[in-house]
């Protein structure tokens, strides 16, 4: 595995050097920083304020009601269609 040389400003180097552990190389330090800052999709959950959370709950509830009504309508139509087919088959 090869290495790369990068250029950074002196003040950035000093900040990094201050955070680097005594027993780790800069490569290990940068690797640790990257692991610590890897985005976690779960971050940010639970950060809505009360009004936003209430609005989201209401939107979810309305969506569930509409979905339930739509499913009920499709089921009713499917049952009616099957009943009509059965009636047609019996008269044929």
PDB file of N, CA and C in Angstrom:
ATOM      1  N   UNK A   1       0.850  -1.166   0.000  1.00  0.00           N
ATOM      2  CA  UNK A   1       0.000   0.000   0.000  1.00  0.00           C
ATOM      3  C   UNK A   1       0.897   1.230   0.000  1.00  0.00           C
ATOM      4  N   UNK A   2       0.582   2.175  -0.853  1.00  0.00           N
ATOM      5  CA  UNK A   2       1.386   3.376  -0.978  1.00  0.00           C
ATOM      6  C   UNK A   2       0.985   4.448   0.008  1.00  0.00           C
ATOM      7  N   UNK A   3       1.678   5.557  -0.076  1.00  0.00           N
ATOM      8  CA  UNK A   3       1.363   6.706   0.775  1.00  0.00           C
ATOM      9  C   UNK A   3       1.164   7.924  -0.101  1.00  0.00           C
ATOM     10  N   UNK A   4       0.518   8.920   0.452  1.00  0.00           N
ATOM     11  CA  UNK A   4       0.290  10.186  -0.231  1.00  0.00           C
ATOM     12  C   UNK A   4       0.749  11.305   0.679  1.00  0.00           C
ATOM     13  N   UNK A   5       1.244  12.352   0.085  1.00  0.00           N
ATOM     14  CA  UNK A   5       1.615  13.546   0.834  1.00  0.00           C
ATOM     15  C   UNK A   5       0.553  14.594   0.578  1.00  0.00           C
ATOM     16  N   UNK A   6       0.068  15.187   1.665  1.00  0.00           N
ATOM     17  CA  UNK A   6      -0.937  16.239   1.523  1.00  0.00           C
ATOM     18  C   UNK A   6      -0.409  17.509   2.175  1.00  0.00           C
ATOM     19  N   UNK A   7      -0.877  18.635   1.682  1.00  0.00           N
ATOM     20  CA  UNK A   7      -0.483  19.912   2.259  1.00  0.00           C
ATOM     21  C   UNK A   7      -1.621  20.492   3.076  1.00  0.00           C
ATOM     22  N   UNK A   8      -1.289  20.913   4.292  1.00  0.00           N
ATOM     23  CA  UNK A   8      -2.282  21.583   5.136  1.00  0.00           C
ATOM     24  C   UNK A   8      -1.622  22.813   5.759  1.00  0.00           C
ATOM     25  N   UNK A   9      -2.449  23.768   6.112  1.00  0.00           N
ATOM     26  CA  UNK A   9      -1.925  24.982   6.744  1.00  0.00           C
ATOM     27  C   UNK A   9      -1.323  24.638   8.107  1.00  0.00           C
ATOM     28  N   UNK A  10      -0.377  25.439   8.530  1.00  0.00           N
ATOM     29  CA  UNK A  10       0.321  25.215   9.801  1.00  0.00           C
ATOM     30  C   UNK A  10      -0.649  25.171  10.987  1.00  0.00           C
ATOM     31  N   UNK A  11      -1.640  26.095  11.006  1.00  0.00           N
ATOM     32  CA  UNK A  11      -2.570  26.120  12.146  1.00  0.00           C
ATOM     33  C   UNK A  11      -3.454  24.870  12.180  1.00  0.00           C
ATOM     34  N   UNK A  12      -3.775  24.326  11.009  1.00  0.00           N
ATOM     35  CA  UNK A  12      -4.561  23.087  10.960  1.00  0.00           C
ATOM     36  C   UNK A  12      -3.705  21.928  11.463  1.00  0.00           C
ATOM     37  N   UNK A  13      -2.452  21.897  11.049  1.00  0.00           N
ATOM     38  CA  UNK A  13      -1.543  20.856  11.535  1.00  0.00           C
ATOM     39  C   UNK A  13      -1.442  20.902  13.053  1.00  0.00           C
ATOM     40  N   UNK A  14      -1.306  22.086  13.610  1.00  0.00           N
ATOM     41  CA  UNK A  14      -1.178  22.226  15.067  1.00  0.00           C
ATOM     42  C   UNK A  14      -2.441  21.741  15.785  1.00  0.00           C
ATOM     43  N   UNK A  15      -3.600  22.050  15.215  1.00  0.00           N
ATOM     44  CA  UNK A  15      -4.856  21.575  15.811  1.00  0.00           C
ATOM     45  C   UNK A  15      -4.940  20.051  15.754  1.00  0.00           C
ATOM     46  N   UNK A  16      -4.557  19.489  14.614  1.00  0.00           N
ATOM     47  CA  UNK A  16      -4.566  18.035  14.491  1.00  0.00           C
ATOM     48  C   UNK A  16      -3.568  17.397  15.454  1.00  0.00           C
ATOM     49  N   UNK A  17      -2.385  17.942  15.504  1.00  0.00           N
ATOM     50  CA  UNK A  17      -1.342  17.402  16.368  1.00  0.00           C
ATOM     51  C   UNK A  17      -1.763  17.441  17.835  1.00  0.00           C
ATOM     52  N   UNK A  18      -2.513  18.463  18.219  1.00  0.00           N
ATOM     53  CA  UNK A  18      -2.976  18.580  19.600  1.00  0.00           C
ATOM     54  C   UNK A  18      -4.016  17.509  19.931  1.00  0.00           C
ATOM     55  N   UNK A  19      -4.773  17.072  18.932  1.00  0.00           N
ATOM     56  CA  UNK A  19      -5.812  16.052  19.161  1.00  0.00           C
ATOM     57  C   UNK A  19      -5.301  14.628  18.979  1.00  0.00           C
ATOM     58  N   UNK A  20      -4.179  14.491  18.316  1.00  0.00           N
ATOM     59  CA  UNK A  20      -3.622  13.167  18.048  1.00  0.00           C
ATOM     60  C   UNK A  20      -3.102  12.563  19.354  1.00  0.00           C
ATOM     61  N   UNK A  21      -3.371  11.279  19.530  1.00  0.00           N
ATOM     62  CA  UNK A  21      -2.863  10.575  20.705  1.00  0.00           C
ATOM     63  C   UNK A  21      -1.356  10.365  20.567  1.00  0.00           C
ATOM     64  N   UNK A  22      -0.669  10.324  21.693  1.00  0.00           N
ATOM     65  CA  UNK A  22       0.788  10.180  21.660  1.00  0.00           C
ATOM     66  C   UNK A  22       1.234   8.871  21.019  1.00  0.00           C
ATOM     67  N   UNK A  23       0.412   7.835  21.153  1.00  0.00           N
ATOM     68  CA  UNK A  23       0.818   6.514  20.665  1.00  0.00           C
ATOM     69  C   UNK A  23       0.328   6.201  19.258  1.00  0.00           C
ATOM     70  N   UNK A  24      -0.210   7.188  18.543  1.00  0.00           N
ATOM     71  CA  UNK A  24      -0.713   6.892  17.197  1.00  0.00           C
ATOM     72  C   UNK A  24      -0.027   7.770  16.157  1.00  0.00           C
ATOM     73  N   UNK A  25       0.086   7.195  14.969  1.00  0.00           N
ATOM     74  CA  UNK A  25       0.648   7.949  13.843  1.00  0.00           C
ATOM     75  C   UNK A  25      -0.433   8.879  13.293  1.00  0.00           C
ATOM     76  N   UNK A  26      -0.026   9.795  12.426  1.00  0.00           N
ATOM     77  CA  UNK A  26      -1.031  10.665  11.805  1.00  0.00           C
ATOM     78  C   UNK A  26      -2.004   9.853  10.957  1.00  0.00           C
ATOM     79  N   UNK A  27      -1.527   8.804  10.316  1.00  0.00           N
ATOM     80  CA  UNK A  27      -2.416   7.951   9.528  1.00  0.00           C
ATOM     81  C   UNK A  27      -3.458   7.299  10.431  1.00  0.00           C
ATOM     82  N   UNK A  28      -3.025   6.762  11.554  1.00  0.00           N
ATOM     83  CA  UNK A  28      -3.961   6.152  12.494  1.00  0.00           C
ATOM     84  C   UNK A  28      -4.943   7.186  13.035  1.00  0.00           C
ATOM     85  N   UNK A  29      -4.416   8.387  13.317  1.00  0.00           N
ATOM     86  CA  UNK A  29      -5.261   9.458  13.832  1.00  0.00           C
ATOM     87  C   UNK A  29      -6.332   9.864  12.820  1.00  0.00           C
ATOM     88  N   UNK A  30      -5.943  10.070  11.572  1.00  0.00           N
ATOM     89  CA  UNK A  30      -6.909  10.454  10.537  1.00  0.00           C
ATOM     90  C   UNK A  30      -7.920   9.335  10.331  1.00  0.00           C
ATOM     91  N   UNK A  31      -7.459   8.099  10.346  1.00  0.00           N
ATOM     92  CA  UNK A  31      -8.364   6.958  10.207  1.00  0.00           C
ATOM     93  C   UNK A  31      -9.371   6.938  11.356  1.00  0.00           C
ATOM     94  N   UNK A  32      -8.918   7.191  12.585  1.00  0.00           N
ATOM     95  CA  UNK A  32      -9.822   7.240  13.745  1.00  0.00           C
ATOM     96  C   UNK A  32     -10.832   8.375  13.599  1.00  0.00           C
ATOM     97  N   UNK A  33     -10.364   9.543  13.156  1.00  0.00           N
ATOM     98  CA  UNK A  33     -11.282  10.667  12.953  1.00  0.00           C
ATOM     99  C   UNK A  33     -12.357  10.338  11.922  1.00  0.00           C
ATOM    100  N   UNK A  34     -11.949   9.690  10.855  1.00  0.00           N
ATOM    101  CA  UNK A  34     -12.921   9.315   9.824  1.00  0.00           C
ATOM    102  C   UNK A  34     -13.932   8.322  10.353  1.00  0.00           C
ATOM    103  N   UNK A  35     -13.485   7.362  11.152  1.00  0.00           N
ATOM    104  CA  UNK A  35     -14.417   6.400  11.744  1.00  0.00           C
ATOM    105  C   UNK A  35     -15.400   7.097  12.678  1.00  0.00           C
ATOM    106  N   UNK A  36     -14.901   8.068  13.448  1.00  0.00           N
ATOM    107  CA  UNK A  36     -15.756   8.776  14.403  1.00  0.00           C
ATOM    108  C   UNK A  36     -16.760   9.690  13.719  1.00  0.00           C
ATOM    109  N   UNK A  37     -16.445  10.150  12.521  1.00  0.00           N
ATOM    110  CA  UNK A  37     -17.329  11.097  11.838  1.00  0.00           C
ATOM    111  C   UNK A  37     -18.139  10.450  10.725  1.00  0.00           C
ATOM    112  N   UNK A  38     -18.086   9.122  10.620  1.00  0.00           N
ATOM    113  CA  UNK A  38     -18.898   8.432   9.625  1.00  0.00           C
ATOM    114  C   UNK A  38     -20.365   8.686   9.945  1.00  0.00           C
ATOM    115  N   UNK A  39     -21.111   9.196   8.980  1.00  0.00           N
ATOM    116  CA  UNK A  39     -22.511   9.507   9.264  1.00  0.00           C
ATOM    117  C   UNK A  39     -23.289   8.268   9.702  1.00  0.00           C
ATOM    118  N   UNK A  40     -24.089   8.460  10.707  1.00  0.00           N
ATOM    119  CA  UNK A  40     -24.956   7.403  11.210  1.00  0.00           C
ATOM    120  C   UNK A  40     -26.385   7.819  10.887  1.00  0.00           C
ATOM    121  N   UNK A  41     -27.091   7.015  10.126  1.00  0.00           N
ATOM    122  CA  UNK A  41     -28.441   7.384   9.697  1.00  0.00           C
ATOM    123  C   UNK A  41     -29.372   7.604  10.887  1.00  0.00           C
ATOM    124  N   UNK A  42     -29.010   7.065  12.052  1.00  0.00           N
ATOM    125  CA  UNK A  42     -29.867   7.229  13.228  1.00  0.00           C
ATOM    126  C   UNK A  42     -29.674   8.564  13.923  1.00  0.00           C
ATOM    127  N   UNK A  43     -28.588   9.278  13.594  1.00  0.00           N
ATOM    128  CA  UNK A  43     -28.367  10.574  14.222  1.00  0.00           C
ATOM    129  C   UNK A  43     -29.476  11.533  13.796  1.00  0.00           C
ATOM    130  N   UNK A  44     -29.900  12.332  14.704  1.00  0.00           N
ATOM    131  CA  UNK A  44     -30.943  13.294  14.399  1.00  0.00           C
ATOM    132  C   UNK A  44     -32.322  12.820  14.783  1.00  0.00           C
ATOM    133  N   UNK A  45     -32.479  11.522  15.060  1.00  0.00           N
ATOM    134  CA  UNK A  45     -33.782  11.040  15.481  1.00  0.00           C
ATOM    135  C   UNK A  45     -34.097  11.626  16.850  1.00  0.00           C
ATOM    136  N   UNK A  46     -35.332  12.037  17.022  1.00  0.00           N
ATOM    137  CA  UNK A  46     -35.759  12.576  18.297  1.00  0.00           C
ATOM    138  C   UNK A  46     -35.429  14.036  18.498  1.00  0.00           C
ATOM    139  N   UNK A  47     -35.051  14.727  17.425  1.00  0.00           N
ATOM    140  CA  UNK A  47     -34.641  16.117  17.583  1.00  0.00           C
ATOM    141  C   UNK A  47     -35.719  17.106  17.161  1.00  0.00           C
ATOM    142  N   UNK A  48     -36.917  16.628  16.861  1.00  0.00           N
ATOM    143  CA  UNK A  48     -38.000  17.544  16.506  1.00  0.00           C
ATOM    144  C   UNK A  48     -38.513  18.233  17.755  1.00  0.00           C
ATOM    145  N   UNK A  49     -38.868  19.517  17.609  1.00  0.00           N
ATOM    146  CA  UNK A  49     -39.489  20.172  18.749  1.00  0.00           C
ATOM    147  C   UNK A  49     -40.940  19.706  18.849  1.00  0.00           C
ATOM    148  N   UNK A  50     -41.613  20.067  19.906  1.00  0.00           N
ATOM    149  CA  UNK A  50     -42.955  19.567  20.176  1.00  0.00           C
ATOM    150  C   UNK A  50     -43.948  19.841  19.060  1.00  0.00           C
ATOM    151  N   UNK A  51     -43.937  21.064  18.516  1.00  0.00           N
ATOM    152  CA  UNK A  51     -44.876  21.417  17.443  1.00  0.00           C
ATOM    153  C   UNK A  51     -44.601  20.620  16.173  1.00  0.00           C
ATOM    154  N   UNK A  52     -43.317  20.474  15.832  1.00  0.00           N
ATOM    155  CA  UNK A  52     -42.960  19.701  14.638  1.00  0.00           C
ATOM    156  C   UNK A  52     -43.347  18.232  14.812  1.00  0.00           C
ATOM    157  N   UNK A  53     -43.098  17.701  15.997  1.00  0.00           N
ATOM    158  CA  UNK A  53     -43.442  16.297  16.263  1.00  0.00           C
ATOM    159  C   UNK A  53     -44.947  16.088  16.166  1.00  0.00           C
ATOM    160  N   UNK A  54     -45.726  17.023  16.710  1.00  0.00           N
ATOM    161  CA  UNK A  54     -47.187  16.911  16.647  1.00  0.00           C
ATOM    162  C   UNK A  54     -47.673  16.970  15.206  1.00  0.00           C
ATOM    163  N   UNK A  55     -47.106  17.880  14.414  1.00  0.00           N
ATOM    164  CA  UNK A  55     -47.492  18.001  13.004  1.00  0.00           C
ATOM    165  C   UNK A  55     -47.141  16.724  12.242  1.00  0.00           C
ATOM    166  N   UNK A  56     -45.992  16.144  12.531  1.00  0.00           N
ATOM    167  CA  UNK A  56     -45.594  14.906  11.872  1.00  0.00           C
ATOM    168  C   UNK A  56     -46.522  13.762  12.268  1.00  0.00           C
ATOM    169  N   UNK A  57     -46.855  13.661  13.557  1.00  0.00           N
ATOM    170  CA  UNK A  57     -47.790  12.625  13.999  1.00  0.00           C
ATOM    171  C   UNK A  57     -49.122  12.748  13.275  1.00  0.00           C
ATOM    172  N   UNK A  58     -49.628  13.965  13.162  1.00  0.00           N
ATOM    173  CA  UNK A  58     -50.911  14.209  12.491  1.00  0.00           C
ATOM    174  C   UNK A  58     -50.834  13.801  11.017  1.00  0.00           C
ATOM    175  N   UNK A  59     -49.746  14.160  10.346  1.00  0.00           N
ATOM    176  CA  UNK A  59     -49.583  13.798   8.937  1.00  0.00           C
ATOM    177  C   UNK A  59     -49.528  12.281   8.769  1.00  0.00           C
ATOM    178  N   UNK A  60     -48.831  11.602   9.662  1.00  0.00           N
ATOM    179  CA  UNK A  60     -48.743  10.140   9.593  1.00  0.00           C
ATOM    180  C   UNK A  60     -50.119   9.522   9.814  1.00  0.00           C
ATOM    181  N   UNK A  61     -50.853  10.019  10.803  1.00  0.00           N
ATOM    182  CA  UNK A  61     -52.184   9.483  11.087  1.00  0.00           C
ATOM    183  C   UNK A  61     -53.118   9.671   9.893  1.00  0.00           C
ATOM    184  N   UNK A  62     -53.083  10.850   9.296  1.00  0.00           N
ATOM    185  CA  UNK A  62     -53.934  11.101   8.116  1.00  0.00           C
ATOM    186  C   UNK A  62     -53.546  10.179   6.969  1.00  0.00           C
ATOM    187  N   UNK A  63     -52.267   9.975   6.778  1.00  0.00           N
ATOM    188  CA  UNK A  63     -51.806   9.085   5.717  1.00  0.00           C
ATOM    189  C   UNK A  63     -52.273   7.653   5.969  1.00  0.00           C
ATOM    190  N   UNK A  64     -52.189   7.213   7.218  1.00  0.00           N
ATOM    191  CA  UNK A  64     -52.646   5.857   7.549  1.00  0.00           C
ATOM    192  C   UNK A  64     -54.146   5.712   7.316  1.00  0.00           C
ATOM    193  N   UNK A  65     -54.906   6.742   7.679  1.00  0.00           N
ATOM    194  CA  UNK A  65     -56.359   6.684   7.464  1.00  0.00           C
ATOM    195  C   UNK A  65     -56.672   6.594   5.970  1.00  0.00           C
ATOM    196  N   UNK A  66     -56.006   7.431   5.159  1.00  0.00           N
ATOM    197  CA  UNK A  66     -56.250   7.399   3.714  1.00  0.00           C
ATOM    198  C   UNK A  66     -55.854   6.046   3.132  1.00  0.00           C
ATOM    199  N   UNK A  67     -54.728   5.518   3.595  1.00  0.00           N
ATOM    200  CA  UNK A  67     -54.284   4.212   3.101  1.00  0.00           C
ATOM    201  C   UNK A  67     -55.287   3.140   3.489  1.00  0.00           C
ATOM    202  N   UNK A  68     -55.756   3.166   4.723  1.00  0.00           N
ATOM    203  CA  UNK A  68     -56.740   2.186   5.182  1.00  0.00           C
ATOM    204  C   UNK A  68     -58.030   2.270   4.393  1.00  0.00           C
ATOM    205  N   UNK A  69     -58.488   3.496   4.132  1.00  0.00           N
ATOM    206  CA  UNK A  69     -59.711   3.673   3.346  1.00  0.00           C
ATOM    207  C   UNK A  69     -59.517   3.156   1.932  1.00  0.00           C
ATOM    208  N   UNK A  70     -58.364   3.433   1.351  1.00  0.00           N
ATOM    209  CA  UNK A  70     -58.081   2.953   0.000  1.00  0.00           C
ATOM    210  C   UNK A  70     -58.032   1.440  -0.066  1.00  0.00           C
ATOM    211  N   UNK A  71     -57.414   0.819   0.933  1.00  0.00           N
ATOM    212  CA  UNK A  71     -57.358  -0.647   0.964  1.00  0.00           C
ATOM    213  C   UNK A  71     -58.749  -1.241   1.120  1.00  0.00           C
ATOM    214  N   UNK A  72     -59.539  -0.643   2.007  1.00  0.00           N
ATOM    215  CA  UNK A  72     -60.905  -1.143   2.220  1.00  0.00           C
ATOM    216  C   UNK A  72     -61.718  -1.046   0.934  1.00  0.00           C
ATOM    217  N   UNK A  73     -61.588   0.054   0.195  1.00  0.00           N
ATOM    218  CA  UNK A  73     -62.313   0.210  -1.073  1.00  0.00           C
ATOM    219  C   UNK A  73     -61.870  -0.836  -2.088  1.00  0.00           C
ATOM    220  N   UNK A  74     -60.565  -1.062  -2.201  1.00  0.00           N
ATOM    221  CA  UNK A  74     -60.069  -2.057  -3.157  1.00  0.00           C
ATOM    222  C   UNK A  74     -60.536  -3.465  -2.781  1.00  0.00           C
ATOM    223  N   UNK A  75     -60.530  -3.769  -1.484  1.00  0.00           N
ATOM    224  CA  UNK A  75     -61.003  -5.083  -1.045  1.00  0.00           C
ATOM    225  C   UNK A  75     -62.488  -5.253  -1.369  1.00  0.00           C
ATOM    226  N   UNK A  76     -63.284  -4.232  -1.098  1.00  0.00           N
ATOM    227  CA  UNK A  76     -64.722  -4.293  -1.366  1.00  0.00           C
ATOM    228  C   UNK A  76     -64.968  -4.521  -2.857  1.00  0.00           C
ATOM    229  N   UNK A  77     -64.251  -3.771  -3.706  1.00  0.00           N
ATOM    230  CA  UNK A  77     -64.430  -3.923  -5.157  1.00  0.00           C
ATOM    231  C   UNK A  77     -64.008  -5.319  -5.616  1.00  0.00           C
ATOM    232  N   UNK A  78     -62.907  -5.829  -5.054  1.00  0.00           N
ATOM    233  CA  UNK A  78     -62.438  -7.162  -5.440  1.00  0.00           C
ATOM    234  C   UNK A  78     -63.446  -8.227  -5.046  1.00  0.00           C
ATOM    235  N   UNK A  79     -64.028  -8.096  -3.850  1.00  0.00           N
ATOM    236  CA  UNK A  79     -65.041  -9.063  -3.400  1.00  0.00           C
ATOM    237  C   UNK A  79     -66.267  -8.998  -4.293  1.00  0.00           C
ATOM    238  N   UNK A  80     -66.694  -7.788  -4.630  1.00  0.00           N
ATOM    239  CA  UNK A  80     -67.857  -7.640  -5.517  1.00  0.00           C
ATOM    240  C   UNK A  80     -67.583  -8.246  -6.883  1.00  0.00           C
ATOM    241  N   UNK A  81     -66.374  -8.024  -7.397  1.00  0.00           N
ATOM    242  CA  UNK A  81     -66.021  -8.576  -8.709  1.00  0.00           C
ATOM    243  C   UNK A  81     -65.998 -10.103  -8.666  1.00  0.00           C
ATOM    244  N   UNK A  82     -65.459 -10.675  -7.624  1.00  0.00           N
ATOM    245  CA  UNK A  82     -65.445 -12.132  -7.489  1.00  0.00           C
ATOM    246  C   UNK A  82     -66.860 -12.685  -7.375  1.00  0.00           C
ATOM    247  N   UNK A  83     -67.698 -11.982  -6.629  1.00  0.00           N
ATOM    248  CA  UNK A  83     -69.088 -12.429  -6.483  1.00  0.00           C
ATOM    249  C   UNK A  83     -69.790 -12.398  -7.840  1.00  0.00           C
ATOM    250  N   UNK A  84     -69.553 -11.357  -8.633  1.00  0.00           N
ATOM    251  CA  UNK A  84     -70.151 -11.262  -9.970  1.00  0.00           C
ATOM    252  C   UNK A  84     -69.652 -12.395 -10.868  1.00  0.00           C
ATOM    253  N   UNK A  85     -68.369 -12.712 -10.790  1.00  0.00           N
ATOM    254  CA  UNK A  85     -67.818 -13.796 -11.611  1.00  0.00           C
ATOM    255  C   UNK A  85     -68.446 -15.128 -11.208  1.00  0.00           C
ATOM    256  N   UNK A  86     -68.591 -15.340  -9.913  1.00  0.00           N
ATOM    257  CA  UNK A  86     -69.208 -16.584  -9.433  1.00  0.00           C
ATOM    258  C   UNK A  86     -70.644 -16.693  -9.908  1.00  0.00           C
ATOM    259  N   UNK A  87     -71.365 -15.564  -9.873  1.00  0.00           N
ATOM    260  CA  UNK A  87     -72.745 -15.549 -10.340  1.00  0.00           C
ATOM    261  C   UNK A  87     -72.809 -15.849 -11.831  1.00  0.00           C
ATOM    262  N   UNK A  88     -71.917 -15.237 -12.605  1.00  0.00           N
ATOM    263  CA  UNK A  88     -71.845 -15.480 -14.042  1.00  0.00           C
ATOM    264  C   UNK A  88     -71.520 -16.928 -14.332  1.00  0.00           C
ATOM    265  N   UNK A  89     -70.586 -17.520 -13.583  1.00  0.00           N
ATOM    266  CA  UNK A  89     -70.209 -18.925 -13.787  1.00  0.00           C
ATOM    267  C   UNK A  89     -71.366 -19.859 -13.474  1.00  0.00           C
ATOM    268  N   UNK A  90     -72.143 -19.526 -12.447  1.00  0.00           N
ATOM    269  CA  UNK A  90     -73.249 -20.379 -12.054  1.00  0.00           C
ATOM    270  C   UNK A  90     -74.401 -20.327 -13.079  1.00  0.00           C
ATOM    271  N   UNK A  91     -74.583 -19.174 -13.741  1.00  0.00           N
ATOM    272  CA  UNK A  91     -75.657 -19.044 -14.721  1.00  0.00           C
ATOM    273  C   UNK A  91     -75.246 -19.561 -16.091  1.00  0.00           C
ATOM    274  N   UNK A  92     -73.986 -19.782 -16.312  1.00  0.00           N
ATOM    275  CA  UNK A  92     -73.517 -20.221 -17.626  1.00  0.00           C
ATOM    276  C   UNK A  92     -73.660 -21.687 -17.859  1.00  0.00           C
TER     277      UNK A  92
END
